[in-house]
C-alpha atoms as a PDB file:
ATOM      1  CA  MET A   1      65.067 -49.583  37.916  1.00  0.00           C
ATOM      2  CA  THR A   2      63.392 -48.601  34.686  1.00  0.00           C
ATOM      3  CA  GLY A   3      60.436 -50.133  32.914  1.00  0.00           C
ATOM      4  CA  GLU A   4      62.660 -51.446  30.154  1.00  0.00           C
ATOM      5  CA  MET A   5      64.755 -53.317  32.693  1.00  0.00           C
ATOM      6  CA  VAL A   6      61.701 -54.957  34.259  1.00  0.00           C
ATOM      7  CA  ILE A   7      60.433 -56.013  30.837  1.00  0.00           C
ATOM      8  CA  SER A   8      63.894 -57.333  29.945  1.00  0.00           C
ATOM      9  CA  ILE A   9      64.055 -59.400  33.141  1.00  0.00           C
ATOM     10  CA  ALA A  10      60.560 -60.797  32.522  1.00  0.00           C
ATOM     11  CA  GLU A  11      61.392 -61.554  28.888  1.00  0.00           C
ATOM     12  CA  ARG A  12      64.555 -63.393  29.882  1.00  0.00           C
ATOM     13  CA  GLY A  13      62.589 -65.269  32.557  1.00  0.00           C
ATOM     14  CA  VAL A  14      60.120 -66.544  29.971  1.00  0.00           C
ATOM     15  CA  TYR A  15      63.003 -67.477  27.661  1.00  0.00           C
ATOM     16  CA  ILE A  16      64.808 -69.389  30.422  1.00  0.00           C
ATOM     17  CA  THR A  17      61.570 -71.177  31.359  1.00  0.00           C
ATOM     18  CA  LEU A  18      61.048 -72.313  27.769  1.00  0.00           C
ATOM     19  CA  LEU A  19      64.689 -73.267  27.368  1.00  0.00           C
ATOM     20  CA  VAL A  20      64.768 -75.333  30.564  1.00  0.00           C
ATOM     21  CA  SER A  21      61.470 -77.122  29.906  1.00  0.00           C
ATOM     22  CA  LEU A  22      62.170 -77.856  26.223  1.00  0.00           C
ATOM     23  CA  PRO A  23      64.278 -81.046  26.601  1.00  0.00           C
ATOM     24  CA  LEU A  24      61.780 -82.739  28.908  1.00  0.00           C
ATOM     25  CA  MET A  25      58.826 -81.742  26.760  1.00  0.00           C
ATOM     26  CA  LEU A  26      60.508 -83.027  23.608  1.00  0.00           C
ATOM     27  CA  ILE A  27      61.353 -86.343  25.272  1.00  0.00           C
ATOM     28  CA  ALA A  28      57.754 -86.739  26.464  1.00  0.00           C
ATOM     29  CA  LEU A  29      56.471 -85.843  22.989  1.00  0.00           C
ATOM     30  CA  VAL A  30      58.694 -88.353  21.193  1.00  0.00           C
ATOM     31  CA  VAL A  31      57.991 -91.169  23.646  1.00  0.00           C
ATOM     32  CA  GLY A  32      54.257 -90.453  23.556  1.00  0.00           C
ATOM     33  CA  LEU A  33      54.285 -90.510  19.764  1.00  0.00           C
ATOM     34  CA  LEU A  34      56.180 -93.807  19.690  1.00  0.00           C
ATOM     35  CA  VAL A  35      53.813 -95.392  22.222  1.00  0.00           C
ATOM     36  CA  SER A  36      50.813 -94.145  20.238  1.00  0.00           C
ATOM     37  CA  ILE A  37      52.190 -95.641  17.041  1.00  0.00           C
ATOM     38  CA  PHE A  38      52.827 -98.907  18.894  1.00  0.00           C
ATOM     39  CA  GLN A  39      49.272 -98.899  20.261  1.00  0.00           C
ATOM     40  CA  ALA A  40      47.802 -98.188  16.838  1.00  0.00           C
ATOM     41  CA  THR A  41      49.751-100.959  15.118  1.00  0.00           C
ATOM     42  CA  THR A  42      49.050-103.596  17.777  1.00  0.00           C
ATOM     43  CA  GLN A  43      45.500-102.373  18.514  1.00  0.00           C
ATOM     44  CA  ILE A  44      46.212-102.328  22.247  1.00  0.00           C
ATOM     45  CA  GLN A  45      43.997 -99.600  23.680  1.00  0.00           C
ATOM     46  CA  GLU A  46      45.181 -99.619  27.291  1.00  0.00           C
ATOM     47  CA  GLN A  47      45.119 -96.054  28.626  1.00  0.00           C
ATOM     48  CA  THR A  48      47.810 -96.549  31.258  1.00  0.00           C
ATOM     49  CA  LEU A  49      50.293 -97.890  28.698  1.00  0.00           C
ATOM     50  CA  ALA A  50      50.954 -94.381  27.426  1.00  0.00           C
ATOM     51  CA  PHE A  51      51.858 -92.914  30.819  1.00  0.00           C
ATOM     52  CA  VAL A  52      54.421 -95.341  32.227  1.00  0.00           C
ATOM     53  CA  PRO A  53      56.999 -95.051  29.391  1.00  0.00           C
ATOM     54  CA  LYS A  54      56.620 -91.254  29.364  1.00  0.00           C
ATOM     55  CA  ILE A  55      57.167 -91.012  33.111  1.00  0.00           C
ATOM     56  CA  ILE A  56      60.238 -93.231  32.930  1.00  0.00           C
ATOM     57  CA  ALA A  57      61.656 -91.329  29.934  1.00  0.00           C
ATOM     58  CA  VAL A  58      61.118 -87.944  31.593  1.00  0.00           C
ATOM     59  CA  LEU A  59      62.775 -89.146  34.808  1.00  0.00           C
ATOM     60  CA  VAL A  60      65.795 -90.416  32.856  1.00  0.00           C
ATOM     61  CA  ALA A  61      65.927 -87.137  30.923  1.00  0.00           C
ATOM     62  CA  LEU A  62      65.694 -85.219  34.186  1.00  0.00           C
ATOM     63  CA  ILE A  63      68.701 -87.116  35.514  1.00  0.00           C
ATOM     64  CA  PHE A  64      70.589 -86.408  32.292  1.00  0.00           C
ATOM     65  CA  PHE A  65      69.542 -82.753  31.778  1.00  0.00           C
ATOM     66  CA  GLY A  66      69.107 -81.835  35.463  1.00  0.00           C
ATOM     67  CA  PRO A  67      72.555 -80.325  36.050  1.00  0.00           C
ATOM     68  CA  TRP A  68      72.289 -78.197  32.910  1.00  0.00           C
ATOM     69  CA  MET A  69      68.788 -77.048  33.863  1.00  0.00           C
ATOM     70  CA  LEU A  70      69.928 -76.157  37.377  1.00  0.00           C
ATOM     71  CA  THR A  71      72.915 -74.228  36.014  1.00  0.00           C
ATOM     72  CA  GLN A  72      70.654 -72.179  33.741  1.00  0.00           C
ATOM     73  CA  LEU A  73      68.264 -71.348  36.581  1.00  0.00           C
ATOM     74  CA  VAL A  74      71.016 -70.482  39.067  1.00  0.00           C
ATOM     75  CA  THR A  75      72.758 -68.267  36.519  1.00  0.00           C
ATOM     76  CA  TYR A  76      69.496 -66.421  35.835  1.00  0.00           C
ATOM     77  CA  ALA A  77      68.814 -65.976  39.557  1.00  0.00           C
ATOM     78  CA  ALA A  78      72.350 -64.700  40.155  1.00  0.00           C
ATOM     79  CA  ASP A  79      71.936 -62.185  37.321  1.00  0.00           C
ATOM     80  CA  ILE A  80      68.687 -60.935  38.814  1.00  0.00           C
ATOM     81  CA  PHE A  81      70.179 -60.563  42.289  1.00  0.00           C
ATOM     82  CA  SER A  82      73.300 -58.795  41.005  1.00  0.00           C
ATOM     83  CA  ASN A  83      71.166 -56.364  39.002  1.00  0.00           C
ATOM     84  CA  LEU A  84      68.927 -55.672  42.001  1.00  0.00           C
ATOM     85  CA  VAL A  85      71.910 -54.944  44.237  1.00  0.00           C
ATOM     86  CA  ARG A  86      73.359 -52.636  41.596  1.00  0.00           C
ATOM     87  CA  TYR A  87      70.153 -50.603  41.139  1.00  0.00           C
ATOM     88  CA  ILE A  88      68.815 -50.615  44.695  1.00  0.00           C
ATOM     89  CA  GLY A  89      72.050 -50.192  46.616  1.00  0.00           C
END
């Protein structure tokens, strides 16, 4: 296993991590922005109001995007294991 291969695996790992976390982060960002706008317009300054809608939205997004996220992670893990078997064995 060469240094370039290790760097390539690490680079793809970072890419997969960003790709898998992006939908949930975007959902949390949009919901947080909408709740903040709602709080600013109604002048409700309750701190816990911002967390409950974000938690619910992220859980719904996790149910919706979960299979895709799992497929991406399993595919990446299978690629790593197949490359290790090829270069070690």
